[in-house]
Protein backbone atom coordinates (compact mmCIF):
# COMPACT_ATOMS: atom_id res chain seq x y z
CA MET A 1 21.21 -58.40 -5.95
CA ASN A 2 18.32 -56.38 -7.36
CA ILE A 3 16.87 -53.29 -5.66
CA LEU A 4 13.71 -51.40 -6.63
CA ILE A 5 13.64 -47.67 -5.80
CA ILE A 6 10.16 -46.09 -5.70
CA GLU A 7 10.93 -42.39 -5.33
CA ASP A 8 9.56 -39.32 -7.13
CA GLU A 9 12.52 -37.02 -6.44
CA TYR A 10 14.53 -37.70 -9.58
CA SER A 11 17.83 -36.31 -8.30
CA LEU A 12 17.63 -38.32 -5.08
CA ALA A 13 16.62 -41.51 -6.90
CA ASP A 14 19.55 -41.14 -9.31
CA ALA A 15 22.01 -40.43 -6.49
CA VAL A 16 20.85 -43.47 -4.53
CA ALA A 17 21.00 -45.62 -7.67
CA GLU A 18 24.59 -44.55 -8.40
CA ALA A 19 25.66 -45.30 -4.82
CA LEU A 20 24.03 -48.74 -4.97
CA LYS A 21 25.61 -49.58 -8.32
CA LYS A 22 29.03 -48.89 -6.81
CA GLU A 23 28.14 -51.53 -4.23
CA LYS A 24 27.38 -53.97 -7.09
CA PHE A 25 23.58 -53.84 -6.78
CA ASN A 26 21.34 -53.82 -9.85
CA VAL A 27 18.79 -51.00 -9.64
CA CYS A 28 15.40 -50.13 -11.12
CA ILE A 29 13.72 -46.76 -10.48
CA LYS A 30 9.99 -46.00 -10.56
CA THR A 31 8.82 -42.43 -9.93
CA ASN A 32 5.13 -42.86 -9.07
CA GLY A 33 3.23 -45.13 -6.76
CA GLU A 34 1.20 -47.06 -9.32
CA ASP A 35 4.20 -47.98 -11.49
CA GLY A 36 6.23 -48.82 -8.40
CA GLU A 37 3.53 -51.10 -7.03
CA ASP A 38 3.18 -52.94 -10.36
CA GLU A 39 6.94 -53.47 -10.49
CA ALA A 40 7.06 -54.68 -6.88
CA LEU A 41 4.38 -57.29 -7.61
CA THR A 42 6.77 -59.06 -10.02
CA GLU A 43 8.82 -60.17 -6.99
CA SER A 44 11.97 -59.69 -9.07
CA TYR A 45 13.75 -57.72 -6.35
CA ASP A 46 15.71 -58.54 -3.22
CA LEU A 47 14.74 -55.26 -1.54
CA ILE A 48 12.48 -52.25 -2.11
CA LEU A 49 13.25 -48.65 -1.12
CA LEU A 50 9.81 -47.07 -0.82
CA ASP A 51 9.17 -43.34 -0.44
CA VAL A 52 6.09 -42.31 1.54
CA MET A 53 5.03 -39.19 -0.39
CA LEU A 54 4.42 -40.36 -3.97
CA PRO A 55 2.13 -39.29 -6.81
CA LYS A 56 -0.83 -41.53 -7.69
CA LYS A 57 -0.44 -43.81 -4.66
CA ASN A 58 1.44 -43.16 -1.44
CA GLY A 59 3.98 -45.43 0.19
CA PHE A 60 1.79 -46.58 3.05
CA GLU A 61 -0.94 -47.67 0.62
CA ILE A 62 1.63 -49.57 -1.45
CA LEU A 63 3.14 -51.20 1.64
CA LYS A 64 -0.27 -52.32 2.90
CA PHE A 65 -1.25 -53.72 -0.52
CA LEU A 66 2.02 -55.62 -0.99
CA LYS A 67 1.66 -57.25 2.42
CA GLN A 68 -1.94 -58.21 1.62
CA GLU A 69 -0.67 -59.83 -1.58
CA LYS A 70 1.88 -61.83 0.47
CA ILE A 71 4.86 -60.18 -1.23
CA LYS A 72 7.86 -61.15 0.90
CA THR A 73 10.39 -58.69 -0.51
CA PRO A 74 11.96 -56.64 2.34
CA ILE A 75 10.94 -52.96 2.34
CA ILE A 76 12.75 -49.91 3.71
CA MET A 77 10.58 -46.79 3.92
CA LEU A 78 12.03 -43.41 2.87
CA THR A 79 10.44 -40.14 3.94
CA ALA A 80 11.10 -36.48 4.62
CA LYS A 81 8.89 -36.72 7.69
CA SER A 82 10.37 -37.47 11.10
CA GLU A 83 7.20 -37.80 13.17
CA ILE A 84 7.08 -40.92 15.32
CA ASP A 85 3.54 -41.71 14.10
CA ASP A 86 4.76 -42.10 10.52
CA LYS A 87 7.53 -44.44 11.60
CA LEU A 88 5.13 -46.54 13.64
CA ASN A 89 2.64 -46.58 10.77
CA GLY A 90 5.25 -48.01 8.41
CA LEU A 91 6.61 -50.56 10.86
CA GLU A 92 3.14 -51.67 11.96
CA HIS A 93 2.20 -52.35 8.34
CA GLY A 94 5.24 -54.57 7.84
CA ALA A 95 8.15 -52.33 6.77
CA ASP A 96 11.52 -53.86 7.62
CA ASP A 97 13.19 -50.54 8.36
CA TYR A 98 12.62 -46.80 8.13
CA ILE A 99 15.05 -43.99 7.25
CA THR A 100 14.35 -40.25 7.36
CA LYS A 101 15.54 -37.76 4.74
CA PRO A 102 18.08 -36.30 4.54
CA PHE A 103 20.28 -39.36 5.10
CA SER A 104 23.87 -40.26 4.29
CA MET A 105 24.46 -42.85 1.56
CA ARG A 106 26.72 -44.76 3.94
CA GLU A 107 23.88 -45.07 6.43
CA LEU A 108 21.41 -46.14 3.75
CA ILE A 109 23.75 -48.80 2.36
CA ALA A 110 24.46 -50.08 5.88
CA ARG A 111 20.72 -50.31 6.55
CA ILE A 112 20.15 -52.13 3.25
CA LYS A 113 22.85 -54.70 3.96
CA ALA A 114 21.58 -55.21 7.50
CA VAL A 115 18.04 -55.87 6.26
CA LEU A 116 19.27 -58.22 3.53
CA LYS A 117 21.28 -60.24 6.04
CA ARG A 118 18.44 -60.25 8.57
CA THR A 119 15.97 -61.53 5.99
CA ASN A 120 18.44 -64.12 4.66
CA ARG A 121 18.65 -62.47 1.25
CA ILE A 122 22.44 -62.46 1.46
CA GLU A 123 24.88 -64.42 3.58
CA ASP A 124 27.93 -62.32 2.81
CA THR A 125 28.30 -59.50 0.29
CA ASP A 126 31.92 -60.53 -0.30
CA ILE A 127 30.95 -64.04 -1.45
CA LEU A 128 29.23 -64.56 -4.81
CA LYS A 129 27.84 -67.99 -5.70
CA PHE A 130 26.65 -69.93 -8.72
CA GLY A 131 26.23 -73.71 -8.81
CA ASP A 132 29.22 -75.30 -7.11
CA LEU A 133 31.25 -72.11 -7.51
CA LYS A 134 32.10 -69.44 -4.93
CA LEU A 135 33.96 -66.22 -5.66
CA ASP A 136 35.55 -64.69 -2.57
CA LEU A 137 35.94 -61.02 -3.53
CA LYS A 138 37.68 -59.99 -0.33
CA ASN A 139 40.45 -62.60 -0.60
CA ALA A 140 40.43 -62.85 -4.42
CA LYS A 141 39.86 -66.61 -4.40
CA LEU A 142 37.80 -68.89 -6.62
CA LYS A 143 36.46 -71.98 -4.83
CA CYS A 144 34.72 -75.22 -5.72
CA ASN A 145 34.14 -77.64 -2.86
CA ASP A 146 37.62 -78.22 -1.33
CA ASN A 147 39.48 -76.77 -4.32
CA GLU A 148 40.48 -73.13 -4.58
CA ILE A 149 42.64 -70.93 -6.76
CA GLN A 150 43.78 -67.32 -6.65
CA ILE A 151 42.11 -64.98 -9.15
CA SER A 152 42.79 -61.28 -9.59
CA GLY A 153 42.83 -58.32 -11.97
CA LYS A 154 40.58 -58.41 -15.01
CA GLU A 155 39.74 -62.09 -14.48
CA LEU A 156 38.31 -61.29 -11.06
CA GLU A 157 36.38 -58.27 -12.37
CA LEU A 158 34.95 -60.23 -15.31
CA LEU A 159 33.87 -63.20 -13.23
CA GLU A 160 32.31 -60.84 -10.70
CA GLN A 161 30.17 -59.35 -13.48
CA PHE A 162 29.00 -62.80 -14.55
CA LEU A 163 28.10 -63.79 -11.00
CA LEU A 164 26.27 -60.52 -10.35
CA ASN A 165 24.27 -61.05 -13.57
CA LYS A 166 24.12 -64.83 -13.55
CA ASN A 167 20.80 -65.17 -15.37
CA GLN A 168 21.69 -62.74 -18.15
CA ILE A 169 23.63 -62.84 -21.39
CA LEU A 170 26.40 -60.23 -21.21
CA SER A 171 27.56 -58.70 -24.47
CA ARG A 172 31.25 -58.36 -25.31
CA GLU A 173 30.76 -54.62 -25.83
CA GLY A 174 29.07 -54.25 -22.43
CA LEU A 175 31.86 -56.15 -20.68
CA MET A 176 34.49 -54.02 -22.41
CA GLU A 177 32.79 -50.85 -21.17
CA ARG A 178 32.31 -52.12 -17.60
CA ILE A 179 35.80 -53.56 -17.12
CA TRP A 180 38.05 -51.50 -19.39
CA GLY A 181 35.98 -48.29 -19.59
CA TYR A 182 34.50 -46.24 -22.41
CA GLU A 183 37.74 -44.51 -23.32
CA SER A 184 39.94 -47.60 -23.21
CA GLU A 185 42.20 -48.40 -26.13
CA ALA A 186 42.37 -52.07 -25.14
CA GLU A 187 42.14 -54.65 -27.89
CA TYR A 188 38.59 -55.71 -28.79
CA ASN A 189 39.39 -59.41 -28.22
CA ASN A 190 40.54 -58.81 -24.62
CA VAL A 191 37.23 -60.11 -23.26
CA GLU A 192 37.63 -63.39 -25.14
CA VAL A 193 41.25 -63.77 -23.99
CA TYR A 194 40.40 -63.27 -20.31
CA ILE A 195 37.36 -65.53 -20.52
CA THR A 196 39.69 -68.24 -21.80
CA PHE A 197 41.89 -67.70 -18.72
CA ILE A 198 38.84 -67.97 -16.44
CA ARG A 199 37.67 -71.18 -18.14
CA ARG A 200 41.08 -72.75 -17.46
CA LYS A 201 40.81 -71.86 -13.77
CA LEU A 202 37.29 -73.28 -13.57
CA LYS A 203 38.68 -76.54 -14.99
CA LEU A 204 41.59 -76.55 -12.54
CA ILE A 205 39.24 -76.45 -9.54
CA ASP A 206 36.97 -79.05 -11.16
CA SER A 207 33.90 -76.82 -11.29
CA LYS A 208 30.82 -77.71 -13.31
CA VAL A 209 30.32 -74.01 -14.04
CA ASN A 210 31.40 -72.68 -17.41
CA ILE A 211 31.12 -69.45 -19.40
CA LYS A 212 29.12 -70.25 -22.52
CA ALA A 213 29.50 -68.23 -25.71
CA VAL A 214 26.09 -67.28 -27.13
CA ARG A 215 26.72 -66.82 -30.81
CA GLY A 216 26.28 -63.27 -32.04
CA ILE A 217 25.17 -62.01 -28.63
CA GLY A 218 27.75 -62.51 -25.89
CA TYR A 219 28.42 -64.82 -22.94
CA LYS A 220 26.46 -66.43 -20.14
CA LEU A 221 27.20 -68.58 -17.10
CA GLU A 222 26.01 -72.18 -17.32
CA GLU A 223 26.19 -75.17 -15.04
CA LYS A 224 27.03 -78.43 -16.80
CA ASN A 225 25.19 -81.53 -15.65
CA ASP A 226 26.56 -85.07 -15.63
CA LYS A 227 23.98 -86.50 -18.04
């Protein structure tokens, strides 16, 4: 899931981004209204966190413009103001929710997940899907139709990364850093070994999904067709 943060307080934007990354969201930060609006128009995001007080263009102006352009991405307004008029202004112009600074990260994340579920952006944050494949993070199970198999440890963590970044090529170096950490002394071919294990499990549950090696770059999820 991709979230756009439009916020000019650098420390706050970074703190929110770190909290969201821990929840497995991908994050982009823009620190002024014009850049944020341009990024929002790409419709590449599942949700936008939009500050009200921004340089170049304020949040209400951005919100109004995005709604005029028929952008359907859910928007949560962020502001230091607590006046009821500001809240009504945002909600009347189409904001999906409104949170006042200072706020707890737990509250913000809860609000985000509630909006995503309400707007049908996610069905369940514990279930990741691609093609005929479902990864149940909570119960550590890999499913395809009526077939399922247990998956845990590094295999689970690796497959989670692929499903969270399903349209991207992931480098071996990047996977090593994300799963084993920067300081790890793990063997360099560990990624390849565990991907082999995952491929076997995908075959066992008769999934059409595979992890394709992209020569010289890394790996990417693909869905095989019957033709």
